[in-house]
PDB file of N, CA and C in Angstrom:
ATOM      1  N   MET A   1     -31.632  -6.078 -13.309  1.00  0.00           N
ATOM      2  CA  MET A   1     -30.818  -6.515 -14.428  1.00  0.00           C
ATOM      3  C   MET A   1     -31.494  -7.658 -15.177  1.00  0.00           C
ATOM      4  N   GLU A   2     -32.177  -8.520 -14.455  1.00  0.00           N
ATOM      5  CA  GLU A   2     -32.889  -9.627 -15.101  1.00  0.00           C
ATOM      6  C   GLU A   2     -33.992  -9.123 -16.012  1.00  0.00           C
ATOM      7  N   LYS A   3     -34.584  -7.998 -15.616  1.00  0.00           N
ATOM      8  CA  LYS A   3     -35.649  -7.416 -16.427  1.00  0.00           C
ATOM      9  C   LYS A   3     -35.124  -7.057 -17.811  1.00  0.00           C
ATOM     10  N   TRP A   4     -33.957  -6.411 -17.861  1.00  0.00           N
ATOM     11  CA  TRP A   4     -33.392  -5.999 -19.138  1.00  0.00           C
ATOM     12  C   TRP A   4     -32.925  -7.193 -19.952  1.00  0.00           C
ATOM     13  N   ARG A   5     -32.380  -8.209 -19.291  1.00  0.00           N
ATOM     14  CA  ARG A   5     -31.940  -9.409 -20.012  1.00  0.00           C
ATOM     15  C   ARG A   5     -33.111 -10.101 -20.688  1.00  0.00           C
ATOM     16  N   ALA A   6     -34.224 -10.203 -19.984  1.00  0.00           N
ATOM     17  CA  ALA A   6     -35.401 -10.840 -20.573  1.00  0.00           C
ATOM     18  C   ALA A   6     -35.945 -10.010 -21.730  1.00  0.00           C
ATOM     19  N   MET A   7     -35.924  -8.707 -21.569  1.00  0.00           N
ATOM     20  CA  MET A   7     -36.419  -7.836 -22.632  1.00  0.00           C
ATOM     21  C   MET A   7     -35.503  -7.894 -23.857  1.00  0.00           C
ATOM     22  N   ILE A   8     -34.198  -7.876 -23.650  1.00  0.00           N
ATOM     23  CA  ILE A   8     -33.239  -7.981 -24.752  1.00  0.00           C
ATOM     24  C   ILE A   8     -33.371  -9.336 -25.434  1.00  0.00           C
ATOM     25  N   LYS A   9     -33.630 -10.381 -24.666  1.00  0.00           N
ATOM     26  CA  LYS A   9     -33.820 -11.710 -25.248  1.00  0.00           C
ATOM     27  C   LYS A   9     -35.040 -11.719 -26.166  1.00  0.00           C
ATOM     28  N   GLY A  10     -36.126 -11.091 -25.747  1.00  0.00           N
ATOM     29  CA  GLY A  10     -37.324 -11.019 -26.581  1.00  0.00           C
ATOM     30  C   GLY A  10     -37.092 -10.229 -27.858  1.00  0.00           C
ATOM     31  N   ILE A  11     -36.380  -9.112 -27.738  1.00  0.00           N
ATOM     32  CA  ILE A  11     -36.078  -8.307 -28.927  1.00  0.00           C
ATOM     33  C   ILE A  11     -35.178  -9.087 -29.876  1.00  0.00           C
ATOM     34  N   SER A  12     -34.172  -9.759 -29.337  1.00  0.00           N
ATOM     35  CA  SER A  12     -33.238 -10.484 -30.202  1.00  0.00           C
ATOM     36  C   SER A  12     -33.904 -11.674 -30.884  1.00  0.00           C
ATOM     37  N   ILE A  13     -34.842 -12.340 -30.223  1.00  0.00           N
ATOM     38  CA  ILE A  13     -35.567 -13.441 -30.865  1.00  0.00           C
ATOM     39  C   ILE A  13     -36.333 -12.919 -32.075  1.00  0.00           C
ATOM     40  N   SER A  14     -37.014 -11.811 -31.902  1.00  0.00           N
ATOM     41  CA  SER A  14     -37.773 -11.233 -33.017  1.00  0.00           C
ATOM     42  C   SER A  14     -36.858 -10.809 -34.153  1.00  0.00           C
ATOM     43  N   LEU A  15     -35.779 -10.136 -33.824  1.00  0.00           N
ATOM     44  CA  LEU A  15     -34.899  -9.625 -34.875  1.00  0.00           C
ATOM     45  C   LEU A  15     -34.123 -10.737 -35.570  1.00  0.00           C
ATOM     46  N   MET A  16     -33.822 -11.831 -34.871  1.00  0.00           N
ATOM     47  CA  MET A  16     -33.165 -12.960 -35.526  1.00  0.00           C
ATOM     48  C   MET A  16     -34.053 -13.568 -36.604  1.00  0.00           C
ATOM     49  N   LEU A  17     -35.344 -13.410 -36.486  1.00  0.00           N
ATOM     50  CA  LEU A  17     -36.260 -13.912 -37.504  1.00  0.00           C
ATOM     51  C   LEU A  17     -36.533 -12.876 -38.587  1.00  0.00           C
ATOM     52  N   TYR A  18     -36.598 -11.612 -38.221  1.00  0.00           N
ATOM     53  CA  TYR A  18     -36.932 -10.565 -39.190  1.00  0.00           C
ATOM     54  C   TYR A  18     -35.761 -10.144 -40.074  1.00  0.00           C
ATOM     55  N   ILE A  19     -34.544 -10.181 -39.578  1.00  0.00           N
ATOM     56  CA  ILE A  19     -33.403  -9.724 -40.379  1.00  0.00           C
ATOM     57  C   ILE A  19     -33.211 -10.576 -41.631  1.00  0.00           C
ATOM     58  N   PRO A  20     -33.148 -11.918 -41.536  1.00  0.00           N
ATOM     59  CA  PRO A  20     -33.012 -12.695 -42.779  1.00  0.00           C
ATOM     60  C   PRO A  20     -34.213 -12.541 -43.708  1.00  0.00           C
ATOM     61  N   LEU A  21     -35.402 -12.450 -43.143  1.00  0.00           N
ATOM     62  CA  LEU A  21     -36.600 -12.276 -43.958  1.00  0.00           C
ATOM     63  C   LEU A  21     -36.580 -10.931 -44.676  1.00  0.00           C
ATOM     64  N   SER A  22     -36.064  -9.899 -44.035  1.00  0.00           N
ATOM     65  CA  SER A  22     -35.957  -8.584 -44.670  1.00  0.00           C
ATOM     66  C   SER A  22     -34.957  -8.602 -45.818  1.00  0.00           C
ATOM     67  N   ILE A  23     -33.850  -9.286 -45.634  1.00  0.00           N
ATOM     68  CA  ILE A  23     -32.841  -9.381 -46.694  1.00  0.00           C
ATOM     69  C   ILE A  23     -33.388 -10.157 -47.884  1.00  0.00           C
ATOM     70  N   ILE A  24     -34.087 -11.254 -47.618  1.00  0.00           N
ATOM     71  CA  ILE A  24     -34.712 -12.031 -48.694  1.00  0.00           C
ATOM     72  C   ILE A  24     -35.726 -11.179 -49.444  1.00  0.00           C
ATOM     73  N   SER A  25     -36.528 -10.427 -48.720  1.00  0.00           N
ATOM     74  CA  SER A  25     -37.531  -9.580 -49.356  1.00  0.00           C
ATOM     75  C   SER A  25     -36.876  -8.488 -50.191  1.00  0.00           C
ATOM     76  N   TYR A  26     -35.778  -7.933 -49.717  1.00  0.00           N
ATOM     77  CA  TYR A  26     -35.069  -6.905 -50.478  1.00  0.00           C
ATOM     78  C   TYR A  26     -34.625  -7.446 -51.836  1.00  0.00           C
ATOM     79  N   PHE A  27     -33.937  -8.593 -51.831  1.00  0.00           N
ATOM     80  CA  PHE A  27     -33.460  -9.155 -53.091  1.00  0.00           C
ATOM     81  C   PHE A  27     -34.609  -9.626 -53.976  1.00  0.00           C
ATOM     82  N   ASN A  28     -35.688 -10.084 -53.379  1.00  0.00           N
ATOM     83  CA  ASN A  28     -36.870 -10.475 -54.140  1.00  0.00           C
ATOM     84  C   ASN A  28     -37.453  -9.269 -54.870  1.00  0.00           C
ATOM     85  N   GLU A  29     -37.530  -8.134 -54.196  1.00  0.00           N
ATOM     86  CA  GLU A  29     -38.065  -6.924 -54.823  1.00  0.00           C
ATOM     87  C   GLU A  29     -37.118  -6.383 -55.894  1.00  0.00           C
ATOM     88  N   VAL A  30     -35.821  -6.435 -55.643  1.00  0.00           N
ATOM     89  CA  VAL A  30     -34.859  -5.965 -56.642  1.00  0.00           C
ATOM     90  C   VAL A  30     -34.984  -6.793 -57.918  1.00  0.00           C
ATOM     91  N   GLN A  31     -35.139  -8.093 -57.768  1.00  0.00           N
ATOM     92  CA  GLN A  31     -35.179  -8.985 -58.919  1.00  0.00           C
ATOM     93  C   GLN A  31     -36.525  -8.960 -59.644  1.00  0.00           C
ATOM     94  N   ASN A  32     -37.644  -8.882 -58.928  1.00  0.00           N
ATOM     95  CA  ASN A  32     -38.951  -9.143 -59.527  1.00  0.00           C
ATOM     96  C   ASN A  32     -39.934  -7.987 -59.516  1.00  0.00           C
ATOM     97  N   ALA A  33     -39.621  -6.872 -58.876  1.00  0.00           N
ATOM     98  CA  ALA A  33     -40.605  -5.799 -58.739  1.00  0.00           C
ATOM     99  C   ALA A  33     -40.788  -5.045 -60.052  1.00  0.00           C
ATOM    100  N   CYS A  34     -42.024  -4.663 -60.309  1.00  0.00           N
ATOM    101  CA  CYS A  34     -42.360  -3.871 -61.484  1.00  0.00           C
ATOM    102  C   CYS A  34     -43.588  -3.043 -61.136  1.00  0.00           C
ATOM    103  N   PHE A  35     -43.557  -1.756 -61.512  1.00  0.00           N
ATOM    104  CA  PHE A  35     -44.681  -0.875 -61.211  1.00  0.00           C
ATOM    105  C   PHE A  35     -44.990  -0.042 -62.446  1.00  0.00           C
ATOM    106  N   ASP A  36     -46.093  -0.329 -63.076  1.00  0.00           N
ATOM    107  CA  ASP A  36     -46.544   0.423 -64.244  1.00  0.00           C
ATOM    108  C   ASP A  36     -48.069   0.383 -64.268  1.00  0.00           C
ATOM    109  N   PRO A  37     -48.721   1.279 -63.514  1.00  0.00           N
ATOM    110  CA  PRO A  37     -50.180   1.193 -63.402  1.00  0.00           C
ATOM    111  C   PRO A  37     -50.937   1.676 -64.637  1.00  0.00           C
ATOM    112  N   PHE A  38     -50.281   2.384 -65.532  1.00  0.00           N
ATOM    113  CA  PHE A  38     -50.999   2.992 -66.654  1.00  0.00           C
ATOM    114  C   PHE A  38     -51.105   2.074 -67.867  1.00  0.00           C
ATOM    115  N   THR A  39     -50.019   1.376 -68.211  1.00  0.00           N
ATOM    116  CA  THR A  39     -50.056   0.531 -69.409  1.00  0.00           C
ATOM    117  C   THR A  39     -50.139  -0.951 -69.092  1.00  0.00           C
ATOM    118  N   ASN A  40     -49.986  -1.315 -67.828  1.00  0.00           N
ATOM    119  CA  ASN A  40     -50.018  -2.725 -67.403  1.00  0.00           C
ATOM    120  C   ASN A  40     -49.044  -3.576 -68.209  1.00  0.00           C
ATOM    121  N   SER A  41     -47.855  -3.074 -68.417  1.00  0.00           N
ATOM    122  CA  SER A  41     -46.853  -3.796 -69.196  1.00  0.00           C
ATOM    123  C   SER A  41     -45.948  -4.669 -68.337  1.00  0.00           C
ATOM    124  N   CYS A  42     -46.200  -4.750 -67.051  1.00  0.00           N
ATOM    125  CA  CYS A  42     -45.375  -5.582 -66.175  1.00  0.00           C
ATOM    126  C   CYS A  42     -45.693  -7.054 -66.404  1.00  0.00           C
ATOM    127  N   PRO A  43     -44.669  -7.899 -66.428  1.00  0.00           N
ATOM    128  CA  PRO A  43     -44.937  -9.331 -66.556  1.00  0.00           C
ATOM    129  C   PRO A  43     -45.531  -9.883 -65.259  1.00  0.00           C
ATOM    130  N   GLN A  44     -46.136 -11.028 -65.362  1.00  0.00           N
ATOM    131  CA  GLN A  44     -46.701 -11.700 -64.189  1.00  0.00           C
ATOM    132  C   GLN A  44     -45.562 -12.052 -63.232  1.00  0.00           C
ATOM    133  N   PRO A  45     -45.685 -11.714 -61.940  1.00  0.00           N
ATOM    134  CA  PRO A  45     -44.597 -12.054 -61.011  1.00  0.00           C
ATOM    135  C   PRO A  45     -44.530 -13.567 -60.805  1.00  0.00           C
ATOM    136  N   PRO A  46     -43.348 -14.069 -60.454  1.00  0.00           N
ATOM    137  CA  PRO A  46     -43.231 -15.506 -60.204  1.00  0.00           C
ATOM    138  C   PRO A  46     -44.059 -15.925 -58.994  1.00  0.00           C
ATOM    139  N   GLY A  47     -44.290 -17.210 -58.868  1.00  0.00           N
ATOM    140  CA  GLY A  47     -45.141 -17.727 -57.801  1.00  0.00           C
ATOM    141  C   GLY A  47     -44.619 -17.448 -56.404  1.00  0.00           C
ATOM    142  N   TYR A  48     -43.321 -17.334 -56.253  1.00  0.00           N
ATOM    143  CA  TYR A  48     -42.724 -17.109 -54.935  1.00  0.00           C
ATOM    144  C   TYR A  48     -42.641 -15.632 -54.561  1.00  0.00           C
ATOM    145  N   TYR A  49     -43.123 -14.746 -55.415  1.00  0.00           N
ATOM    146  CA  TYR A  49     -42.949 -13.306 -55.199  1.00  0.00           C
ATOM    147  C   TYR A  49     -43.578 -12.825 -53.888  1.00  0.00           C
ATOM    148  N   HIS A  50     -44.741 -13.316 -53.534  1.00  0.00           N
ATOM    149  CA  HIS A  50     -45.450 -12.833 -52.343  1.00  0.00           C
ATOM    150  C   HIS A  50     -45.091 -13.608 -51.067  1.00  0.00           C
ATOM    151  N   LEU A  51     -44.276 -14.632 -51.165  1.00  0.00           N
ATOM    152  CA  LEU A  51     -43.942 -15.442 -49.984  1.00  0.00           C
ATOM    153  C   LEU A  51     -43.290 -14.648 -48.853  1.00  0.00           C
ATOM    154  N   PRO A  52     -42.315 -13.767 -49.095  1.00  0.00           N
ATOM    155  CA  PRO A  52     -41.751 -13.013 -47.967  1.00  0.00           C
ATOM    156  C   PRO A  52     -42.782 -12.143 -47.252  1.00  0.00           C
ATOM    157  N   LYS A  53     -43.711 -11.564 -47.985  1.00  0.00           N
ATOM    158  CA  LYS A  53     -44.739 -10.731 -47.350  1.00  0.00           C
ATOM    159  C   LYS A  53     -45.686 -11.579 -46.506  1.00  0.00           C
ATOM    160  N   PHE A  54     -46.088 -12.736 -47.039  1.00  0.00           N
ATOM    161  CA  PHE A  54     -46.946 -13.627 -46.259  1.00  0.00           C
ATOM    162  C   PHE A  54     -46.211 -14.163 -45.036  1.00  0.00           C
ATOM    163  N   ALA A  55     -44.918 -14.465 -45.193  1.00  0.00           N
ATOM    164  CA  ALA A  55     -44.127 -14.952 -44.064  1.00  0.00           C
ATOM    165  C   ALA A  55     -43.998 -13.877 -42.986  1.00  0.00           C
ATOM    166  N   ALA A  56     -43.797 -12.629 -43.387  1.00  0.00           N
ATOM    167  CA  ALA A  56     -43.696 -11.539 -42.407  1.00  0.00           C
ATOM    168  C   ALA A  56     -45.022 -11.332 -41.686  1.00  0.00           C
ATOM    169  N   LEU A  57     -46.118 -11.418 -42.414  1.00  0.00           N
ATOM    170  CA  LEU A  57     -47.433 -11.267 -41.789  1.00  0.00           C
ATOM    171  C   LEU A  57     -47.698 -12.403 -40.799  1.00  0.00           C
ATOM    172  N   PHE A  58     -47.398 -13.636 -41.202  1.00  0.00           N
ATOM    173  CA  PHE A  58     -47.568 -14.782 -40.310  1.00  0.00           C
ATOM    174  C   PHE A  58     -46.661 -14.652 -39.094  1.00  0.00           C
ATOM    175  N   LEU A  59     -45.409 -14.249 -39.312  1.00  0.00           N
ATOM    176  CA  LEU A  59     -44.461 -14.099 -38.211  1.00  0.00           C
ATOM    177  C   LEU A  59     -44.914 -13.028 -37.231  1.00  0.00           C
ATOM    178  N   THR A  60     -45.458 -11.935 -37.739  1.00  0.00           N
ATOM    179  CA  THR A  60     -45.950 -10.862 -36.875  1.00  0.00           C
ATOM    180  C   THR A  60     -47.067 -11.359 -35.974  1.00  0.00           C
ATOM    181  N   PHE A  61     -48.059 -12.008 -36.561  1.00  0.00           N
ATOM    182  CA  PHE A  61     -49.174 -12.509 -35.755  1.00  0.00           C
ATOM    183  C   PHE A  61     -48.727 -13.590 -34.778  1.00  0.00           C
ATOM    184  N   HIS A  62     -47.818 -14.459 -35.212  1.00  0.00           N
ATOM    185  CA  HIS A  62     -47.350 -15.529 -34.337  1.00  0.00           C
ATOM    186  C   HIS A  62     -46.564 -14.972 -33.144  1.00  0.00           C
ATOM    187  N   LEU A  63     -45.665 -14.026 -33.388  1.00  0.00           N
ATOM    188  CA  LEU A  63     -44.875 -13.461 -32.290  1.00  0.00           C
ATOM    189  C   LEU A  63     -45.738 -12.651 -31.328  1.00  0.00           C
ATOM    190  N   LEU A  64     -46.692 -11.895 -31.854  1.00  0.00           N
ATOM    191  CA  LEU A  64     -47.568 -11.126 -30.964  1.00  0.00           C
ATOM    192  C   LEU A  64     -48.485 -12.041 -30.158  1.00  0.00           C
ATOM    193  N   ARG A  65     -48.940 -13.135 -30.759  1.00  0.00           N
ATOM    194  CA  ARG A  65     -49.759 -14.103 -30.014  1.00  0.00           C
ATOM    195  C   ARG A  65     -48.923 -14.763 -28.916  1.00  0.00           C
ATOM    196  N   HIS A  66     -47.671 -15.093 -29.247  1.00  0.00           N
ATOM    197  CA  HIS A  66     -46.786 -15.690 -28.245  1.00  0.00           C
ATOM    198  C   HIS A  66     -46.493 -14.691 -27.119  1.00  0.00           C
ATOM    199  N   ALA A  67     -46.298 -13.430 -27.462  1.00  0.00           N
ATOM    200  CA  ALA A  67     -46.062 -12.400 -26.441  1.00  0.00           C
ATOM    201  C   ALA A  67     -47.292 -12.231 -25.554  1.00  0.00           C
ATOM    202  N   TRP A  68     -48.469 -12.316 -26.132  1.00  0.00           N
ATOM    203  CA  TRP A  68     -49.698 -12.193 -25.345  1.00  0.00           C
ATOM    204  C   TRP A  68     -49.832 -13.357 -24.364  1.00  0.00           C
ATOM    205  N   ARG A  69     -49.491 -14.573 -24.823  1.00  0.00           N
ATOM    206  CA  ARG A  69     -49.555 -15.731 -23.926  1.00  0.00           C
ATOM    207  C   ARG A  69     -48.531 -15.617 -22.803  1.00  0.00           C
ATOM    208  N   GLU A  70     -47.327 -15.146 -23.124  1.00  0.00           N
ATOM    209  CA  GLU A  70     -46.298 -14.975 -22.098  1.00  0.00           C
ATOM    210  C   GLU A  70     -46.693 -13.892 -21.096  1.00  0.00           C
ATOM    211  N   ARG A  71     -47.425 -12.907 -21.547  1.00  0.00           N
ATOM    212  CA  ARG A  71     -47.857 -11.804 -20.685  1.00  0.00           C
ATOM    213  C   ARG A  71     -48.830 -12.283 -19.616  1.00  0.00           C
ATOM    214  N   GLU A  72     -49.619 -13.301 -19.938  1.00  0.00           N
ATOM    215  CA  GLU A  72     -50.613 -13.789 -18.993  1.00  0.00           C
ATOM    216  C   GLU A  72     -49.997 -14.538 -17.818  1.00  0.00           C
ATOM    217  N   ASP A  73     -48.745 -15.002 -17.973  1.00  0.00           N
ATOM    218  CA  ASP A  73     -48.082 -15.670 -16.854  1.00  0.00           C
ATOM    219  C   ASP A  73     -47.811 -14.662 -15.746  1.00  0.00           C
ATOM    220  N   GLN A  74     -47.687 -15.158 -14.536  1.00  0.00           N
ATOM    221  CA  GLN A  74     -47.558 -14.267 -13.387  1.00  0.00           C
ATOM    222  C   GLN A  74     -46.131 -13.800 -13.118  1.00  0.00           C
ATOM    223  N   GLY A  75     -45.132 -14.481 -13.659  1.00  0.00           N
ATOM    224  CA  GLY A  75     -43.752 -14.100 -13.369  1.00  0.00           C
ATOM    225  C   GLY A  75     -43.318 -12.849 -14.103  1.00  0.00           C
ATOM    226  N   ASN A  76     -42.445 -12.084 -13.472  1.00  0.00           N
ATOM    227  CA  ASN A  76     -41.943 -10.855 -14.090  1.00  0.00           C
ATOM    228  C   ASN A  76     -41.071 -11.148 -15.301  1.00  0.00           C
ATOM    229  N   HIS A  77     -40.337 -12.270 -15.254  1.00  0.00           N
ATOM    230  CA  HIS A  77     -39.461 -12.628 -16.364  1.00  0.00           C
ATOM    231  C   HIS A  77     -40.272 -12.819 -17.642  1.00  0.00           C
ATOM    232  N   GLU A  78     -41.420 -13.491 -17.524  1.00  0.00           N
ATOM    233  CA  GLU A  78     -42.248 -13.731 -18.702  1.00  0.00           C
ATOM    234  C   GLU A  78     -42.856 -12.432 -19.224  1.00  0.00           C
ATOM    235  N   ARG A  79     -43.236 -11.550 -18.323  1.00  0.00           N
ATOM    236  CA  ARG A  79     -43.802 -10.273 -18.773  1.00  0.00           C
ATOM    237  C   ARG A  79     -42.753  -9.428 -19.482  1.00  0.00           C
ATOM    238  N   ASP A  80     -41.539  -9.433 -18.973  1.00  0.00           N
ATOM    239  CA  ASP A  80     -40.478  -8.673 -19.632  1.00  0.00           C
ATOM    240  C   ASP A  80     -40.114  -9.294 -20.973  1.00  0.00           C
ATOM    241  N   LEU A  81     -40.138 -10.619 -21.055  1.00  0.00           N
ATOM    242  CA  LEU A  81     -39.897 -11.287 -22.325  1.00  0.00           C
ATOM    243  C   LEU A  81     -40.987 -10.927 -23.324  1.00  0.00           C
ATOM    244  N   SER A  82     -42.226 -10.856 -22.870  1.00  0.00           N
ATOM    245  CA  SER A  82     -43.319 -10.505 -23.782  1.00  0.00           C
ATOM    246  C   SER A  82     -43.212  -9.055 -24.244  1.00  0.00           C
ATOM    247  N   LYS A  83     -42.759  -8.166 -23.360  1.00  0.00           N
ATOM    248  CA  LYS A  83     -42.532  -6.777 -23.786  1.00  0.00           C
ATOM    249  C   LYS A  83     -41.437  -6.718 -24.846  1.00  0.00           C
ATOM    250  N   GLY A  84     -40.380  -7.489 -24.648  1.00  0.00           N
ATOM    251  CA  GLY A  84     -39.303  -7.537 -25.632  1.00  0.00           C
ATOM    252  C   GLY A  84     -39.759  -8.124 -26.955  1.00  0.00           C
ATOM    253  N   LEU A  85     -40.585  -9.174 -26.901  1.00  0.00           N
ATOM    254  CA  LEU A  85     -41.115  -9.753 -28.135  1.00  0.00           C
ATOM    255  C   LEU A  85     -41.984  -8.754 -28.888  1.00  0.00           C
ATOM    256  N   ALA A  86     -42.833  -8.045 -28.160  1.00  0.00           N
ATOM    257  CA  ALA A  86     -43.706  -7.063 -28.813  1.00  0.00           C
ATOM    258  C   ALA A  86     -42.884  -5.924 -29.414  1.00  0.00           C
ATOM    259  N   LEU A  87     -41.927  -5.410 -28.669  1.00  0.00           N
ATOM    260  CA  LEU A  87     -41.084  -4.326 -29.172  1.00  0.00           C
ATOM    261  C   LEU A  87     -40.236  -4.796 -30.353  1.00  0.00           C
ATOM    262  N   GLY A  88     -39.665  -5.993 -30.243  1.00  0.00           N
ATOM    263  CA  GLY A  88     -38.874  -6.542 -31.345  1.00  0.00           C
ATOM    264  C   GLY A  88     -39.703  -6.798 -32.587  1.00  0.00           C
ATOM    265  N   THR A  89     -40.963  -7.185 -32.409  1.00  0.00           N
ATOM    266  CA  THR A  89     -41.848  -7.394 -33.550  1.00  0.00           C
ATOM    267  C   THR A  89     -42.145  -6.078 -34.253  1.00  0.00           C
ATOM    268  N   ILE A  90     -42.379  -5.034 -33.487  1.00  0.00           N
ATOM    269  CA  ILE A  90     -42.635  -3.719 -34.089  1.00  0.00           C
ATOM    270  C   ILE A  90     -41.397  -3.227 -34.841  1.00  0.00           C
ATOM    271  N   ILE A  91     -40.236  -3.334 -34.221  1.00  0.00           N
ATOM    272  CA  ILE A  91     -38.990  -2.912 -34.870  1.00  0.00           C
ATOM    273  C   ILE A  91     -38.719  -3.763 -36.108  1.00  0.00           C
ATOM    274  N   GLY A  92     -38.899  -5.075 -35.977  1.00  0.00           N
ATOM    275  CA  GLY A  92     -38.637  -5.980 -37.091  1.00  0.00           C
ATOM    276  C   GLY A  92     -39.574  -5.762 -38.262  1.00  0.00           C
ATOM    277  N   PHE A  93     -40.855  -5.520 -37.986  1.00  0.00           N
ATOM    278  CA  PHE A  93     -41.800  -5.290 -39.077  1.00  0.00           C
ATOM    279  C   PHE A  93     -41.490  -3.970 -39.780  1.00  0.00           C
ATOM    280  N   PHE A  94     -41.112  -2.954 -39.025  1.00  0.00           N
ATOM    281  CA  PHE A  94     -40.727  -1.679 -39.634  1.00  0.00           C
ATOM    282  C   PHE A  94     -39.483  -1.856 -40.500  1.00  0.00           C
ATOM    283  N   MET A  95     -38.515  -2.635 -40.005  1.00  0.00           N
ATOM    284  CA  MET A  95     -37.307  -2.904 -40.765  1.00  0.00           C
ATOM    285  C   MET A  95     -37.638  -3.682 -42.040  1.00  0.00           C
ATOM    286  N   PHE A  96     -38.537  -4.661 -41.943  1.00  0.00           N
ATOM    287  CA  PHE A  96     -38.967  -5.421 -43.115  1.00  0.00           C
ATOM    288  C   PHE A  96     -39.601  -4.495 -44.151  1.00  0.00           C
ATOM    289  N   PHE A  97     -40.432  -3.574 -43.699  1.00  0.00           N
ATOM    290  CA  PHE A  97     -41.081  -2.631 -44.603  1.00  0.00           C
ATOM    291  C   PHE A  97     -40.056  -1.743 -45.308  1.00  0.00           C
ATOM    292  N   ILE A  98     -39.081  -1.230 -44.571  1.00  0.00           N
ATOM    293  CA  ILE A  98     -38.045  -0.373 -45.150  1.00  0.00           C
ATOM    294  C   ILE A  98     -37.221  -1.147 -46.177  1.00  0.00           C
ATOM    295  N   PHE A  99     -36.845  -2.392 -45.872  1.00  0.00           N
ATOM    296  CA  PHE A  99     -36.062  -3.189 -46.813  1.00  0.00           C
ATOM    297  C   PHE A  99     -36.875  -3.523 -48.057  1.00  0.00           C
ATOM    298  N   THR A 100     -38.155  -3.820 -47.881  1.00  0.00           N
ATOM    299  CA  THR A 100     -39.004  -4.128 -49.027  1.00  0.00           C
ATOM    300  C   THR A 100     -39.158  -2.909 -49.927  1.00  0.00           C
ATOM    301  N   MET A 101     -39.424  -1.763 -49.336  1.00  0.00           N
ATOM    302  CA  MET A 101     -39.554  -0.548 -50.143  1.00  0.00           C
ATOM    303  C   MET A 101     -38.214  -0.134 -50.752  1.00  0.00           C
ATOM    304  N   GLY A 102     -37.124  -0.387 -50.048  1.00  0.00           N
ATOM    305  CA  GLY A 102     -35.801  -0.102 -50.600  1.00  0.00           C
ATOM    306  C   GLY A 102     -35.499  -0.956 -51.816  1.00  0.00           C
ATOM    307  N   GLY A 103     -35.938  -2.205 -51.806  1.00  0.00           N
ATOM    308  CA  GLY A 103     -35.758  -3.061 -52.973  1.00  0.00           C
ATOM    309  C   GLY A 103     -36.691  -2.695 -54.101  1.00  0.00           C
ATOM    310  N   PHE A 104     -37.891  -2.257 -53.771  1.00  0.00           N
ATOM    311  CA  PHE A 104     -38.888  -1.927 -54.794  1.00  0.00           C
ATOM    312  C   PHE A 104     -38.563  -0.611 -55.490  1.00  0.00           C
ATOM    313  N   TRP A 105     -38.369   0.447 -54.715  1.00  0.00           N
ATOM    314  CA  TRP A 105     -38.132   1.773 -55.292  1.00  0.00           C
ATOM    315  C   TRP A 105     -36.655   2.080 -55.480  1.00  0.00           C
ATOM    316  N   GLY A 106     -35.804   1.454 -54.723  1.00  0.00           N
ATOM    317  CA  GLY A 106     -34.384   1.787 -54.735  1.00  0.00           C
ATOM    318  C   GLY A 106     -34.058   2.646 -53.523  1.00  0.00           C
ATOM    319  N   TRP A 107     -32.868   2.476 -52.969  1.00  0.00           N
ATOM    320  CA  TRP A 107     -32.498   3.180 -51.743  1.00  0.00           C
ATOM    321  C   TRP A 107     -32.420   4.682 -51.944  1.00  0.00           C
ATOM    322  N   GLU A 108     -32.070   5.126 -53.139  1.00  0.00           N
ATOM    323  CA  GLU A 108     -31.927   6.572 -53.336  1.00  0.00           C
ATOM    324  C   GLU A 108     -33.264   7.290 -53.201  1.00  0.00           C
ATOM    325  N   HIS A 109     -34.364   6.622 -53.462  1.00  0.00           N
ATOM    326  CA  HIS A 109     -35.680   7.243 -53.309  1.00  0.00           C
ATOM    327  C   HIS A 109     -36.199   7.147 -51.875  1.00  0.00           C
ATOM    328  N   ILE A 110     -35.726   6.166 -51.139  1.00  0.00           N
ATOM    329  CA  ILE A 110     -36.181   5.965 -49.760  1.00  0.00           C
ATOM    330  C   ILE A 110     -35.410   6.869 -48.796  1.00  0.00           C
ATOM    331  N   LEU A 111     -34.099   6.935 -48.942  1.00  0.00           N
ATOM    332  CA  LEU A 111     -33.268   7.615 -47.954  1.00  0.00           C
ATOM    333  C   LEU A 111     -33.118   9.106 -48.200  1.00  0.00           C
ATOM    334  N   PHE A 112     -33.281   9.558 -49.408  1.00  0.00           N
ATOM    335  CA  PHE A 112     -33.035  10.974 -49.699  1.00  0.00           C
ATOM    336  C   PHE A 112     -34.276  11.645 -50.203  1.00  0.00           C
TER     337      PHE A 112
END
């Protein structure tokens, strides 16, 4: 039972960080996204436009590095926590990608 608790704790730590970042990225894309490769008529994006993507990239590397360090410890609790962190990071990054694309293209193009 301790194994699952440690793993759930790792997943929840990752998702507690990725869920707000995904929501911020969604609204950022809805407000500022523009795609017109042929005429280049899109205005210059604001300075904060790329911040959610950079934050997600930094968060991914930081969580995976932390999971790798926890994995090197000899206790089973730390290894299960690192498995949860790695799994939560994968789930969270996928969720971030879906929310970003949903804001950019619109949900009707993503889901159907």
